Amino acid sequence: MAFEITGKLIEKFETQNVSDKFKKREFVIEYRDNPNSSFSEMLKFQLTQDRCSLIDAYNNGQDIRLWFNLRGRKWEKDGNVNYFTNLEAWKIESAGTTTEPQAASSLPDSGIAAAAADELTNDLPF
C-alpha cells in the first residue's frame, strides 16, 4: 500500500552499502499535521538500491512531497525477537509553494447559504 506525505527536508545521510547486493540511503523530513501547530514530527525514510540518488536533487530546508511504502520485518537473534518498520520512499518531488484556497468572502454570493442559515436558526426547538 502506498502513502503520500509532504514535509520539509531536514537531513540527508550518505548511502550505506549494507552488503554486496544491498544499499540504502536515509533522510529525515519534518512533518506537521496542522501547518499552524508548533508541534512537528521528525520522520526518517529510506531509499534503496537504484533509488538512493532520488534525494540528491533536493536541499535541506526544501519542502518535498514523497510517496512511500511501509515495510516491516521480524528479526531474531539468540532467542530475542525484534520487529523493524521502515518507511521506504520510491518517488520524490518538490512540493513548491502551494496556493491557499480562496476565502469564503471572496467567492460570489449566491444567497443560498444565507437562506439555509436562516432556516436552521428558525427550526431550533428553543
PDB file of N, CA and C in Angstrom:
ATOM      1  N   MET A   1       0.843  -1.173   0.000  1.00  0.00           N
ATOM      2  CA  MET A   1       0.000   0.000   0.000  1.00  0.00           C
ATOM      3  C   MET A   1       0.891   1.239   0.000  1.00  0.00           C
ATOM      4  N   ALA A   2       0.586   2.181  -0.860  1.00  0.00           N
ATOM      5  CA  ALA A   2       1.399   3.392  -0.994  1.00  0.00           C
ATOM      6  C   ALA A   2       0.797   4.538  -0.184  1.00  0.00           C
ATOM      7  N   PHE A   3       1.671   5.345   0.381  1.00  0.00           N
ATOM      8  CA  PHE A   3       1.286   6.524   1.144  1.00  0.00           C
ATOM      9  C   PHE A   3       1.973   7.737   0.546  1.00  0.00           C
ATOM     10  N   GLU A   4       1.433   8.911   0.848  1.00  0.00           N
ATOM     11  CA  GLU A   4       1.995  10.163   0.343  1.00  0.00           C
ATOM     12  C   GLU A   4       2.082  11.145   1.503  1.00  0.00           C
ATOM     13  N   ILE A   5       3.147  11.942   1.528  1.00  0.00           N
ATOM     14  CA  ILE A   5       3.333  12.913   2.601  1.00  0.00           C
ATOM     15  C   ILE A   5       4.142  14.091   2.069  1.00  0.00           C
ATOM     16  N   THR A   6       3.908  15.251   2.649  1.00  0.00           N
ATOM     17  CA  THR A   6       4.664  16.452   2.302  1.00  0.00           C
ATOM     18  C   THR A   6       5.304  16.988   3.568  1.00  0.00           C
ATOM     19  N   GLY A   7       6.568  17.368   3.481  1.00  0.00           N
ATOM     20  CA  GLY A   7       7.272  17.905   4.637  1.00  0.00           C
ATOM     21  C   GLY A   7       8.540  18.617   4.217  1.00  0.00           C
ATOM     22  N   LYS A   8       9.238  19.145   5.214  1.00  0.00           N
ATOM     23  CA  LYS A   8      10.485  19.870   4.969  1.00  0.00           C
ATOM     24  C   LYS A   8      11.667  18.929   5.149  1.00  0.00           C
ATOM     25  N   LEU A   9      12.550  18.895   4.160  1.00  0.00           N
ATOM     26  CA  LEU A   9      13.745  18.059   4.239  1.00  0.00           C
ATOM     27  C   LEU A   9      14.680  18.630   5.302  1.00  0.00           C
ATOM     28  N   ILE A  10      15.009  17.826   6.296  1.00  0.00           N
ATOM     29  CA  ILE A  10      15.850  18.261   7.411  1.00  0.00           C
ATOM     30  C   ILE A  10      17.290  17.794   7.239  1.00  0.00           C
ATOM     31  N   GLU A  11      17.469  16.524   6.874  1.00  0.00           N
ATOM     32  CA  GLU A  11      18.830  15.988   6.770  1.00  0.00           C
ATOM     33  C   GLU A  11      18.874  14.821   5.791  1.00  0.00           C
ATOM     34  N   LYS A  12      19.969  14.768   5.030  1.00  0.00           N
ATOM     35  CA  LYS A  12      20.237  13.649   4.119  1.00  0.00           C
ATOM     36  C   LYS A  12      21.495  12.948   4.612  1.00  0.00           C
ATOM     37  N   PHE A  13      21.475  11.640   4.629  1.00  0.00           N
ATOM     38  CA  PHE A  13      22.634  10.862   5.040  1.00  0.00           C
ATOM     39  C   PHE A  13      23.296  10.249   3.806  1.00  0.00           C
ATOM     40  N   GLU A  14      24.528   9.815   3.981  1.00  0.00           N
ATOM     41  CA  GLU A  14      25.271   9.180   2.894  1.00  0.00           C
ATOM     42  C   GLU A  14      24.688   7.792   2.597  1.00  0.00           C
ATOM     43  N   THR A  15      24.895   7.332   1.395  1.00  0.00           N
ATOM     44  CA  THR A  15      24.471   5.987   1.002  1.00  0.00           C
ATOM     45  C   THR A  15      25.306   4.957   1.757  1.00  0.00           C
ATOM     46  N   GLN A  16      24.644   3.945   2.296  1.00  0.00           N
ATOM     47  CA  GLN A  16      25.314   2.867   3.026  1.00  0.00           C
ATOM     48  C   GLN A  16      25.256   1.587   2.200  1.00  0.00           C
ATOM     49  N   ASN A  17      26.387   0.956   2.005  1.00  0.00           N
ATOM     50  CA  ASN A  17      26.428  -0.354   1.354  1.00  0.00           C
ATOM     51  C   ASN A  17      26.295  -1.406   2.446  1.00  0.00           C
ATOM     52  N   VAL A  18      25.078  -1.897   2.645  1.00  0.00           N
ATOM     53  CA  VAL A  18      24.796  -2.860   3.703  1.00  0.00           C
ATOM     54  C   VAL A  18      25.430  -4.209   3.380  1.00  0.00           C
ATOM     55  N   SER A  19      25.393  -4.596   2.118  1.00  0.00           N
ATOM     56  CA  SER A  19      26.041  -5.827   1.651  1.00  0.00           C
ATOM     57  C   SER A  19      26.450  -5.609   0.198  1.00  0.00           C
ATOM     58  N   ASP A  20      27.017  -6.649  -0.404  1.00  0.00           N
ATOM     59  CA  ASP A  20      27.420  -6.539  -1.813  1.00  0.00           C
ATOM     60  C   ASP A  20      26.225  -6.298  -2.732  1.00  0.00           C
ATOM     61  N   LYS A  21      25.049  -6.722  -2.289  1.00  0.00           N
ATOM     62  CA  LYS A  21      23.865  -6.639  -3.145  1.00  0.00           C
ATOM     63  C   LYS A  21      22.823  -5.637  -2.661  1.00  0.00           C
ATOM     64  N   PHE A  22      23.062  -4.988  -1.544  1.00  0.00           N
ATOM     65  CA  PHE A  22      22.030  -4.094  -1.000  1.00  0.00           C
ATOM     66  C   PHE A  22      22.646  -2.791  -0.502  1.00  0.00           C
ATOM     67  N   LYS A  23      22.062  -1.674  -0.934  1.00  0.00           N
ATOM     68  CA  LYS A  23      22.476  -0.364  -0.426  1.00  0.00           C
ATOM     69  C   LYS A  23      21.234   0.450  -0.095  1.00  0.00           C
ATOM     70  N   LYS A  24      21.408   1.370   0.863  1.00  0.00           N
ATOM     71  CA  LYS A  24      20.292   2.218   1.268  1.00  0.00           C
ATOM     72  C   LYS A  24      20.800   3.614   1.602  1.00  0.00           C
ATOM     73  N   ARG A  25      19.883   4.567   1.572  1.00  0.00           N
ATOM     74  CA  ARG A  25      20.195   5.941   1.949  1.00  0.00           C
ATOM     75  C   ARG A  25      19.014   6.473   2.741  1.00  0.00           C
ATOM     76  N   GLU A  26      19.302   7.085   3.878  1.00  0.00           N
ATOM     77  CA  GLU A  26      18.246   7.593   4.747  1.00  0.00           C
ATOM     78  C   GLU A  26      18.196   9.111   4.696  1.00  0.00           C
ATOM     79  N   PHE A  27      17.008   9.647   4.980  1.00  0.00           N
ATOM     80  CA  PHE A  27      16.821  11.089   5.081  1.00  0.00           C
ATOM     81  C   PHE A  27      15.667  11.358   6.036  1.00  0.00           C
ATOM     82  N   VAL A  28      15.641  12.577   6.573  1.00  0.00           N
ATOM     83  CA  VAL A  28      14.645  12.958   7.574  1.00  0.00           C
ATOM     84  C   VAL A  28      13.843  14.138   7.053  1.00  0.00           C
ATOM     85  N   ILE A  29      12.517  14.061   7.257  1.00  0.00           N
ATOM     86  CA  ILE A  29      11.672  15.213   6.959  1.00  0.00           C
ATOM     87  C   ILE A  29      10.944  15.644   8.225  1.00  0.00           C
ATOM     88  N   GLU A  30      10.613  16.915   8.270  1.00  0.00           N
ATOM     89  CA  GLU A  30       9.778  17.452   9.343  1.00  0.00           C
ATOM     90  C   GLU A  30       8.358  17.519   8.803  1.00  0.00           C
ATOM     91  N   TYR A  31       7.433  16.888   9.522  1.00  0.00           N
ATOM     92  CA  TYR A  31       6.039  16.819   9.100  1.00  0.00           C
ATOM     93  C   TYR A  31       5.157  17.478  10.150  1.00  0.00           C
ATOM     94  N   ARG A  32       4.269  18.331   9.697  1.00  0.00           N
ATOM     95  CA  ARG A  32       3.282  18.953  10.585  1.00  0.00           C
ATOM     96  C   ARG A  32       1.897  18.569  10.095  1.00  0.00           C
ATOM     97  N   ASP A  33       1.135  17.920  10.961  1.00  0.00           N
ATOM     98  CA  ASP A  33      -0.229  17.531  10.618  1.00  0.00           C
ATOM     99  C   ASP A  33      -1.090  18.768  10.406  1.00  0.00           C
ATOM    100  N   ASN A  34      -0.834  19.792  11.219  1.00  0.00           N
ATOM    101  CA  ASN A  34      -1.532  21.068  11.120  1.00  0.00           C
ATOM    102  C   ASN A  34      -0.475  22.142  10.902  1.00  0.00           C
ATOM    103  N   PRO A  35      -0.516  22.844   9.765  1.00  0.00           N
ATOM    104  CA  PRO A  35       0.527  23.841   9.480  1.00  0.00           C
ATOM    105  C   PRO A  35       0.633  24.943  10.533  1.00  0.00           C
ATOM    106  N   ASN A  36      -0.431  25.201  11.283  1.00  0.00           N
ATOM    107  CA  ASN A  36      -0.415  26.249  12.303  1.00  0.00           C
ATOM    108  C   ASN A  36       0.078  25.751  13.656  1.00  0.00           C
ATOM    109  N   SER A  37       0.340  24.463  13.764  1.00  0.00           N
ATOM    110  CA  SER A  37       0.781  23.876  15.026  1.00  0.00           C
ATOM    111  C   SER A  37       2.280  24.083  15.226  1.00  0.00           C
ATOM    112  N   SER A  38       2.684  24.228  16.468  1.00  0.00           N
ATOM    113  CA  SER A  38       4.113  24.335  16.769  1.00  0.00           C
ATOM    114  C   SER A  38       4.728  22.946  16.964  1.00  0.00           C
ATOM    115  N   PHE A  39       3.891  21.908  17.001  1.00  0.00           N
ATOM    116  CA  PHE A  39       4.365  20.539  17.190  1.00  0.00           C
ATOM    117  C   PHE A  39       4.605  19.885  15.833  1.00  0.00           C
ATOM    118  N   SER A  40       5.760  19.255  15.682  1.00  0.00           N
ATOM    119  CA  SER A  40       6.063  18.583  14.417  1.00  0.00           C
ATOM    120  C   SER A  40       6.641  17.198  14.685  1.00  0.00           C
ATOM    121  N   GLU A  41       6.579  16.363  13.678  1.00  0.00           N
ATOM    122  CA  GLU A  41       7.139  15.014  13.725  1.00  0.00           C
ATOM    123  C   GLU A  41       8.398  14.980  12.873  1.00  0.00           C
ATOM    124  N   MET A  42       9.423  14.329  13.349  1.00  0.00           N
ATOM    125  CA  MET A  42      10.636  14.101  12.570  1.00  0.00           C
ATOM    126  C   MET A  42      10.595  12.645  12.111  1.00  0.00           C
ATOM    127  N   LEU A  43      10.445  12.442  10.809  1.00  0.00           N
ATOM    128  CA  LEU A  43      10.266  11.108  10.251  1.00  0.00           C
ATOM    129  C   LEU A  43      11.460  10.724   9.383  1.00  0.00           C
ATOM    130  N   LYS A  44      12.017   9.537   9.643  1.00  0.00           N
ATOM    131  CA  LYS A  44      13.164   9.068   8.865  1.00  0.00           C
ATOM    132  C   LYS A  44      12.681   8.068   7.817  1.00  0.00           C
ATOM    133  N   PHE A  45      13.030   8.338   6.570  1.00  0.00           N
ATOM    134  CA  PHE A  45      12.695   7.484   5.441  1.00  0.00           C
ATOM    135  C   PHE A  45      13.969   6.866   4.890  1.00  0.00           C
ATOM    136  N   GLN A  46      13.802   5.839   4.078  1.00  0.00           N
ATOM    137  CA  GLN A  46      14.959   5.265   3.408  1.00  0.00           C
ATOM    138  C   GLN A  46      14.661   5.074   1.929  1.00  0.00           C
ATOM    139  N   LEU A  47      15.716   5.191   1.148  1.00  0.00           N
ATOM    140  CA  LEU A  47      15.708   4.871  -0.276  1.00  0.00           C
ATOM    141  C   LEU A  47      16.607   3.662  -0.444  1.00  0.00           C
ATOM    142  N   THR A  48      16.268   2.761  -1.342  1.00  0.00           N
ATOM    143  CA  THR A  48      17.094   1.572  -1.524  1.00  0.00           C
ATOM    144  C   THR A  48      17.497   1.394  -2.983  1.00  0.00           C
ATOM    145  N   GLN A  49      18.613   0.704  -3.147  1.00  0.00           N
ATOM    146  CA  GLN A  49      19.150   0.301  -4.440  1.00  0.00           C
ATOM    147  C   GLN A  49      19.296   1.482  -5.399  1.00  0.00           C
ATOM    148  N   ASP A  50      18.709   1.400  -6.582  1.00  0.00           N
ATOM    149  CA  ASP A  50      18.885   2.437  -7.596  1.00  0.00           C
ATOM    150  C   ASP A  50      18.125   3.722  -7.275  1.00  0.00           C
ATOM    151  N   ARG A  51      17.334   3.731  -6.231  1.00  0.00           N
ATOM    152  CA  ARG A  51      16.597   4.940  -5.839  1.00  0.00           C
ATOM    153  C   ARG A  51      17.378   5.825  -4.859  1.00  0.00           C
ATOM    154  N   CYS A  52      18.553   5.396  -4.437  1.00  0.00           N
ATOM    155  CA  CYS A  52      19.339   6.154  -3.450  1.00  0.00           C
ATOM    156  C   CYS A  52      19.639   7.577  -3.902  1.00  0.00           C
ATOM    157  N   SER A  53      19.724   7.796  -5.180  1.00  0.00           N
ATOM    158  CA  SER A  53      20.068   9.132  -5.692  1.00  0.00           C
ATOM    159  C   SER A  53      18.858  10.052  -5.852  1.00  0.00           C
ATOM    160  N   LEU A  54      17.650   9.573  -5.606  1.00  0.00           N
ATOM    161  CA  LEU A  54      16.455  10.408  -5.778  1.00  0.00           C
ATOM    162  C   LEU A  54      16.490  11.673  -4.923  1.00  0.00           C
ATOM    163  N   ILE A  55      17.120  11.622  -3.771  1.00  0.00           N
ATOM    164  CA  ILE A  55      17.145  12.751  -2.840  1.00  0.00           C
ATOM    165  C   ILE A  55      18.214  13.781  -3.200  1.00  0.00           C
ATOM    166  N   ASP A  56      19.133  13.438  -4.098  1.00  0.00           N
ATOM    167  CA  ASP A  56      20.239  14.333  -4.455  1.00  0.00           C
ATOM    168  C   ASP A  56      19.777  15.697  -4.961  1.00  0.00           C
ATOM    169  N   ALA A  57      18.661  15.753  -5.639  1.00  0.00           N
ATOM    170  CA  ALA A  57      18.191  16.995  -6.264  1.00  0.00           C
ATOM    171  C   ALA A  57      17.596  17.986  -5.267  1.00  0.00           C
ATOM    172  N   TYR A  58      17.498  17.618  -4.001  1.00  0.00           N
ATOM    173  CA  TYR A  58      16.817  18.460  -3.009  1.00  0.00           C
ATOM    174  C   TYR A  58      17.780  18.882  -1.908  1.00  0.00           C
ATOM    175  N   ASN A  59      17.544  20.081  -1.382  1.00  0.00           N
ATOM    176  CA  ASN A  59      18.400  20.652  -0.340  1.00  0.00           C
ATOM    177  C   ASN A  59      17.684  20.673   1.002  1.00  0.00           C
ATOM    178  N   ASN A  60      18.468  20.638   2.073  1.00  0.00           N
ATOM    179  CA  ASN A  60      17.896  20.766   3.409  1.00  0.00           C
ATOM    180  C   ASN A  60      17.102  22.064   3.490  1.00  0.00           C
ATOM    181  N   GLY A  61      15.942  21.993   4.133  1.00  0.00           N
ATOM    182  CA  GLY A  61      15.071  23.155   4.256  1.00  0.00           C
ATOM    183  C   GLY A  61      14.031  23.250   3.154  1.00  0.00           C
ATOM    184  N   GLN A  62      14.172  22.439   2.128  1.00  0.00           N
ATOM    185  CA  GLN A  62      13.246  22.467   0.997  1.00  0.00           C
ATOM    186  C   GLN A  62      12.020  21.604   1.295  1.00  0.00           C
ATOM    187  N   ASP A  63      10.841  22.084   0.888  1.00  0.00           N
ATOM    188  CA  ASP A  63       9.619  21.295   1.031  1.00  0.00           C
ATOM    189  C   ASP A  63       9.564  20.259  -0.082  1.00  0.00           C
ATOM    190  N   ILE A  64       9.357  19.006   0.313  1.00  0.00           N
ATOM    191  CA  ILE A  64       9.270  17.931  -0.669  1.00  0.00           C
ATOM    192  C   ILE A  64       7.993  17.126  -0.447  1.00  0.00           C
ATOM    193  N   ARG A  65       7.572  16.508  -1.498  1.00  0.00           N
ATOM    194  CA  ARG A  65       6.418  15.607  -1.467  1.00  0.00           C
ATOM    195  C   ARG A  65       6.957  14.240  -1.843  1.00  0.00           C
ATOM    196  N   LEU A  66       6.596  13.224  -1.069  1.00  0.00           N
ATOM    197  CA  LEU A  66       7.128  11.907  -1.373  1.00  0.00           C
ATOM    198  C   LEU A  66       6.080  10.827  -1.204  1.00  0.00           C
ATOM    199  N   TRP A  67       6.300   9.755  -1.927  1.00  0.00           N
ATOM    200  CA  TRP A  67       5.456   8.581  -1.866  1.00  0.00           C
ATOM    201  C   TRP A  67       6.293   7.463  -1.273  1.00  0.00           C
ATOM    202  N   PHE A  68       5.665   6.660  -0.421  1.00  0.00           N
ATOM    203  CA  PHE A  68       6.425   5.620   0.270  1.00  0.00           C
ATOM    204  C   PHE A  68       5.540   4.426   0.593  1.00  0.00           C
ATOM    205  N   ASN A  69       6.184   3.326   0.900  1.00  0.00           N
ATOM    206  CA  ASN A  69       5.524   2.107   1.355  1.00  0.00           C
ATOM    207  C   ASN A  69       5.987   1.808   2.772  1.00  0.00           C
ATOM    208  N   LEU A  70       5.131   1.162   3.533  1.00  0.00           N
ATOM    209  CA  LEU A  70       5.513   0.665   4.858  1.00  0.00           C
ATOM    210  C   LEU A  70       6.117  -0.718   4.691  1.00  0.00           C
ATOM    211  N   ARG A  71       7.246  -0.937   5.313  1.00  0.00           N
ATOM    212  CA  ARG A  71       7.901  -2.241   5.274  1.00  0.00           C
ATOM    213  C   ARG A  71       8.178  -2.677   6.710  1.00  0.00           C
ATOM    214  N   GLY A  72       7.818  -3.903   7.039  1.00  0.00           N
ATOM    215  CA  GLY A  72       8.056  -4.421   8.378  1.00  0.00           C
ATOM    216  C   GLY A  72       8.735  -5.774   8.317  1.00  0.00           C
ATOM    217  N   ARG A  73       9.612  -6.018   9.269  1.00  0.00           N
ATOM    218  CA  ARG A  73      10.361  -7.273   9.289  1.00  0.00           C
ATOM    219  C   ARG A  73      10.516  -7.784  10.727  1.00  0.00           C
ATOM    220  N   LYS A  74      10.585  -9.084  10.822  1.00  0.00           N
ATOM    221  CA  LYS A  74      10.880  -9.732  12.091  1.00  0.00           C
ATOM    222  C   LYS A  74      12.344 -10.146  12.049  1.00  0.00           C
ATOM    223  N   TRP A  75      13.043  -9.906  13.157  1.00  0.00           N
ATOM    224  CA  TRP A  75      14.454 -10.258  13.235  1.00  0.00           C
ATOM    225  C   TRP A  75      14.681 -10.990  14.549  1.00  0.00           C
ATOM    226  N   GLU A  76      15.325 -12.126  14.475  1.00  0.00           N
ATOM    227  CA  GLU A  76      15.562 -12.933  15.669  1.00  0.00           C
ATOM    228  C   GLU A  76      17.036 -13.293  15.758  1.00  0.00           C
ATOM    229  N   LYS A  77      17.606 -13.080  16.951  1.00  0.00           N
ATOM    230  CA  LYS A  77      18.999 -13.440  17.194  1.00  0.00           C
ATOM    231  C   LYS A  77      19.128 -13.879  18.648  1.00  0.00           C
ATOM    232  N   ASP A  78      19.754 -15.013  18.853  1.00  0.00           N
ATOM    233  CA  ASP A  78      19.980 -15.566  20.196  1.00  0.00           C
ATOM    234  C   ASP A  78      18.686 -15.660  21.007  1.00  0.00           C
ATOM    235  N   GLY A  79      17.600 -16.013  20.349  1.00  0.00           N
ATOM    236  CA  GLY A  79      16.323 -16.170  21.034  1.00  0.00           C
ATOM    237  C   GLY A  79      15.566 -14.879  21.281  1.00  0.00           C
ATOM    238  N   ASN A  80      16.175 -13.748  20.975  1.00  0.00           N
ATOM    239  CA  ASN A  80      15.497 -12.459  21.132  1.00  0.00           C
ATOM    240  C   ASN A  80      14.852 -12.056  19.811  1.00  0.00           C
ATOM    241  N   VAL A  81      13.596 -11.668  19.880  1.00  0.00           N
ATOM    242  CA  VAL A  81      12.855 -11.282  18.682  1.00  0.00           C
ATOM    243  C   VAL A  81      12.655  -9.775  18.677  1.00  0.00           C
ATOM    244  N   ASN A  82      12.944  -9.158  17.554  1.00  0.00           N
ATOM    245  CA  ASN A  82      12.699  -7.728  17.353  1.00  0.00           C
ATOM    246  C   ASN A  82      11.915  -7.542  16.069  1.00  0.00           C
ATOM    247  N   TYR A  83      11.189  -6.436  15.997  1.00  0.00           N
ATOM    248  CA  TYR A  83      10.444  -6.083  14.797  1.00  0.00           C
ATOM    249  C   TYR A  83      10.894  -4.708  14.343  1.00  0.00           C
ATOM    250  N   PHE A  84      11.069  -4.559  13.048  1.00  0.00           N
ATOM    251  CA  PHE A  84      11.511  -3.294  12.477  1.00  0.00           C
ATOM    252  C   PHE A  84      10.483  -2.808  11.471  1.00  0.00           C
ATOM    253  N   THR A  85      10.286  -1.516  11.451  1.00  0.00           N
ATOM    254  CA  THR A  85       9.409  -0.882  10.476  1.00  0.00           C
ATOM    255  C   THR A  85      10.211   0.162   9.723  1.00  0.00           C
ATOM    256  N   ASN A  86      10.129   0.146   8.407  1.00  0.00           N
ATOM    257  CA  ASN A  86      10.808   1.128   7.568  1.00  0.00           C
ATOM    258  C   ASN A  86       9.794   1.865   6.718  1.00  0.00           C
ATOM    259  N   LEU A  87      10.055   3.135   6.505  1.00  0.00           N
ATOM    260  CA  LEU A  87       9.277   3.953   5.582  1.00  0.00           C
ATOM    261  C   LEU A  87      10.118   4.046   4.315  1.00  0.00           C
ATOM    262  N   GLU A  88       9.754   3.279   3.305  1.00  0.00           N
ATOM    263  CA  GLU A  88      10.585   3.163   2.109  1.00  0.00           C
ATOM    264  C   GLU A  88      10.049   4.045   0.985  1.00  0.00           C
ATOM    265  N   ALA A  89      10.756   5.153   0.745  1.00  0.00           N
ATOM    266  CA  ALA A  89      10.354   6.106  -0.290  1.00  0.00           C
ATOM    267  C   ALA A  89      10.677   5.559  -1.672  1.00  0.00           C
ATOM    268  N   TRP A  90       9.818   5.884  -2.635  1.00  0.00           N
ATOM    269  CA  TRP A  90      10.071   5.431  -4.002  1.00  0.00           C
ATOM    270  C   TRP A  90       9.864   6.529  -5.041  1.00  0.00           C
ATOM    271  N   LYS A  91       9.351   7.677  -4.616  1.00  0.00           N
ATOM    272  CA  LYS A  91       9.206   8.820  -5.525  1.00  0.00           C
ATOM    273  C   LYS A  91       9.283  10.092  -4.699  1.00  0.00           C
ATOM    274  N   ILE A  92      10.008  11.096  -5.204  1.00  0.00           N
ATOM    275  CA  ILE A  92      10.152  12.382  -4.518  1.00  0.00           C
ATOM    276  C   ILE A  92      10.005  13.487  -5.549  1.00  0.00           C
ATOM    277  N   GLU A  93       9.310  14.551  -5.154  1.00  0.00           N
ATOM    278  CA  GLU A  93       9.231  15.742  -5.999  1.00  0.00           C
ATOM    279  C   GLU A  93       9.190  16.973  -5.113  1.00  0.00           C
ATOM    280  N   SER A  94       9.483  18.109  -5.698  1.00  0.00           N
ATOM    281  CA  SER A  94       9.445  19.361  -4.954  1.00  0.00           C
ATOM    282  C   SER A  94       7.996  19.700  -4.644  1.00  0.00           C
ATOM    283  N   ALA A  95       7.739  20.109  -3.405  1.00  0.00           N
ATOM    284  CA  ALA A  95       6.380  20.492  -3.034  1.00  0.00           C
ATOM    285  C   ALA A  95       6.086  21.892  -3.528  1.00  0.00           C
ATOM    286  N   GLY A  96       7.126  22.691  -3.723  1.00  0.00           N
ATOM    287  CA  GLY A  96       6.929  24.058  -4.201  1.00  0.00           C
ATOM    288  C   GLY A  96       6.067  24.852  -3.247  1.00  0.00           C
ATOM    289  N   THR A  97       5.532  25.923  -3.744  1.00  0.00           N
ATOM    290  CA  THR A  97       4.616  26.713  -2.933  1.00  0.00           C
ATOM    291  C   THR A  97       3.212  26.345  -3.340  1.00  0.00           C
ATOM    292  N   THR A  98       2.405  26.082  -2.358  1.00  0.00           N
ATOM    293  CA  THR A  98       1.022  25.737  -2.641  1.00  0.00           C
ATOM    294  C   THR A  98       0.166  26.979  -2.522  1.00  0.00           C
ATOM    295  N   THR A  99      -0.855  27.045  -3.317  1.00  0.00           N
ATOM    296  CA  THR A  99      -1.762  28.186  -3.239  1.00  0.00           C
ATOM    297  C   THR A  99      -2.833  27.881  -2.216  1.00  0.00           C
ATOM    298  N   GLU A 100      -3.150  28.866  -1.429  1.00  0.00           N
ATOM    299  CA  GLU A 100      -4.187  28.713  -0.423  1.00  0.00           C
ATOM    300  C   GLU A 100      -5.551  28.756  -1.100  1.00  0.00           C
ATOM    301  N   PRO A 101      -6.517  27.999  -0.607  1.00  0.00           N
ATOM    302  CA  PRO A 101      -7.846  28.078  -1.180  1.00  0.00           C
ATOM    303  C   PRO A 101      -8.432  29.470  -0.967  1.00  0.00           C
ATOM    304  N   GLN A 102      -9.321  29.866  -1.866  1.00  0.00           N
ATOM    305  CA  GLN A 102      -9.939  31.178  -1.747  1.00  0.00           C
ATOM    306  C   GLN A 102     -10.738  31.258  -0.459  1.00  0.00           C
ATOM    307  N   ALA A 103     -10.709  32.419   0.146  1.00  0.00           N
ATOM    308  CA  ALA A 103     -11.512  32.637   1.344  1.00  0.00           C
ATOM    309  C   ALA A 103     -12.978  32.685   0.939  1.00  0.00           C
ATOM    310  N   ALA A 104     -13.853  32.284   1.836  1.00  0.00           N
ATOM    311  CA  ALA A 104     -15.278  32.248   1.528  1.00  0.00           C
ATOM    312  C   ALA A 104     -15.806  33.629   1.162  1.00  0.00           C
ATOM    313  N   SER A 105     -15.265  34.690   1.753  1.00  0.00           N
ATOM    314  CA  SER A 105     -15.760  36.037   1.485  1.00  0.00           C
ATOM    315  C   SER A 105     -15.453  36.494   0.066  1.00  0.00           C
ATOM    316  N   SER A 106     -14.470  35.889  -0.595  1.00  0.00           N
ATOM    317  CA  SER A 106     -14.132  36.312  -1.947  1.00  0.00           C
ATOM    318  C   SER A 106     -14.903  35.535  -3.009  1.00  0.00           C
ATOM    319  N   LEU A 107     -15.693  34.539  -2.591  1.00  0.00           N
ATOM    320  CA  LEU A 107     -16.495  33.786  -3.535  1.00  0.00           C
ATOM    321  C   LEU A 107     -17.777  34.545  -3.834  1.00  0.00           C
ATOM    322  N   PRO A 108     -18.348  34.366  -5.022  1.00  0.00           N
ATOM    323  CA  PRO A 108     -19.604  35.050  -5.343  1.00  0.00           C
ATOM    324  C   PRO A 108     -20.696  34.650  -4.366  1.00  0.00           C
ATOM    325  N   ASP A 109     -21.521  35.607  -3.973  1.00  0.00           N
ATOM    326  CA  ASP A 109     -22.602  35.360  -3.020  1.00  0.00           C
ATOM    327  C   ASP A 109     -23.838  34.917  -3.776  1.00  0.00           C
ATOM    328  N   SER A 110     -24.271  33.695  -3.536  1.00  0.00           N
ATOM    329  CA  SER A 110     -25.434  33.178  -4.241  1.00  0.00           C
ATOM    330  C   SER A 110     -26.707  33.363  -3.441  1.00  0.00           C
ATOM    331  N   GLY A 111     -26.600  33.701  -2.170  1.00  0.00           N
ATOM    332  CA  GLY A 111     -27.775  33.881  -1.337  1.00  0.00           C
ATOM    333  C   GLY A 111     -28.298  32.577  -0.776  1.00  0.00           C
ATOM    334  N   ILE A 112     -27.879  31.465  -1.328  1.00  0.00           N
ATOM    335  CA  ILE A 112     -28.367  30.164  -0.875  1.00  0.00           C
ATOM    336  C   ILE A 112     -27.881  29.866   0.531  1.00  0.00           C
ATOM    337  N   ALA A 113     -26.618  30.131   0.812  1.00  0.00           N
ATOM    338  CA  ALA A 113     -26.067  29.843   2.136  1.00  0.00           C
ATOM    339  C   ALA A 113     -26.762  30.675   3.204  1.00  0.00           C
ATOM    340  N   ALA A 114     -27.043  31.944   2.913  1.00  0.00           N
ATOM    341  CA  ALA A 114     -27.721  32.803   3.888  1.00  0.00           C
ATOM    342  C   ALA A 114     -29.132  32.305   4.146  1.00  0.00           C
ATOM    343  N   ALA A 115     -29.836  31.890   3.102  1.00  0.00           N
ATOM    344  CA  ALA A 115     -31.195  31.376   3.268  1.00  0.00           C
ATOM    345  C   ALA A 115     -31.182  30.093   4.084  1.00  0.00           C
ATOM    346  N   ALA A 116     -30.221  29.223   3.832  1.00  0.00           N
ATOM    347  CA  ALA A 116     -30.115  27.975   4.583  1.00  0.00           C
ATOM    348  C   ALA A 116     -29.813  28.251   6.048  1.00  0.00           C
ATOM    349  N   ALA A 117     -28.974  29.236   6.321  1.00  0.00           N
ATOM    350  CA  ALA A 117     -28.648  29.582   7.704  1.00  0.00           C
ATOM    351  C   ALA A 117     -29.877  30.110   8.428  1.00  0.00           C
ATOM    352  N   ASP A 118     -30.693  30.930   7.754  1.00  0.00           N
ATOM    353  CA  ASP A 118     -31.921  31.444   8.367  1.00  0.00           C
ATOM    354  C   ASP A 118     -32.877  30.313   8.709  1.00  0.00           C
ATOM    355  N   GLU A 119     -33.007  29.342   7.806  1.00  0.00           N
ATOM    356  CA  GLU A 119     -33.893  28.214   8.057  1.00  0.00           C
ATOM    357  C   GLU A 119     -33.421  27.404   9.252  1.00  0.00           C
ATOM    358  N   LEU A 120     -32.114  27.234   9.402  1.00  0.00           N
ATOM    359  CA  LEU A 120     -31.580  26.474  10.531  1.00  0.00           C
ATOM    360  C   LEU A 120     -31.878  27.163  11.850  1.00  0.00           C
ATOM    361  N   THR A 121     -31.728  28.484  11.897  1.00  0.00           N
ATOM    362  CA  THR A 121     -31.968  29.185  13.157  1.00  0.00           C
ATOM    363  C   THR A 121     -33.450  29.220  13.492  1.00  0.00           C
ATOM    364  N   ASN A 122     -34.330  29.201  12.504  1.00  0.00           N
ATOM    365  CA  ASN A 122     -35.770  29.221  12.761  1.00  0.00           C
ATOM    366  C   ASN A 122     -36.290  27.857  13.181  1.00  0.00           C
ATOM    367  N   ASP A 123     -35.556  26.784  12.912  1.00  0.00           N
ATOM    368  CA  ASP A 123     -36.007  25.436  13.239  1.00  0.00           C
ATOM    369  C   ASP A 123     -35.540  24.968  14.613  1.00  0.00           C
ATOM    370  N   LEU A 124     -34.857  25.806  15.356  1.00  0.00           N
ATOM    371  CA  LEU A 124     -34.361  25.395  16.665  1.00  0.00           C
ATOM    372  C   LEU A 124     -35.527  25.209  17.626  1.00  0.00           C
ATOM    373  N   PRO A 125     -35.490  24.179  18.467  1.00  0.00           N
ATOM    374  CA  PRO A 125     -36.612  23.875  19.354  1.00  0.00           C
ATOM    375  C   PRO A 125     -36.694  24.771  20.588  1.00  0.00           C
ATOM    376  N   PHE A 126     -35.833  25.744  20.742  1.00  0.00           N
ATOM    377  CA  PHE A 126     -35.890  26.588  21.938  1.00  0.00           C
ATOM    378  C   PHE A 126     -35.871  28.036  21.596  1.00  0.00           C
TER     379      PHE A 126
END
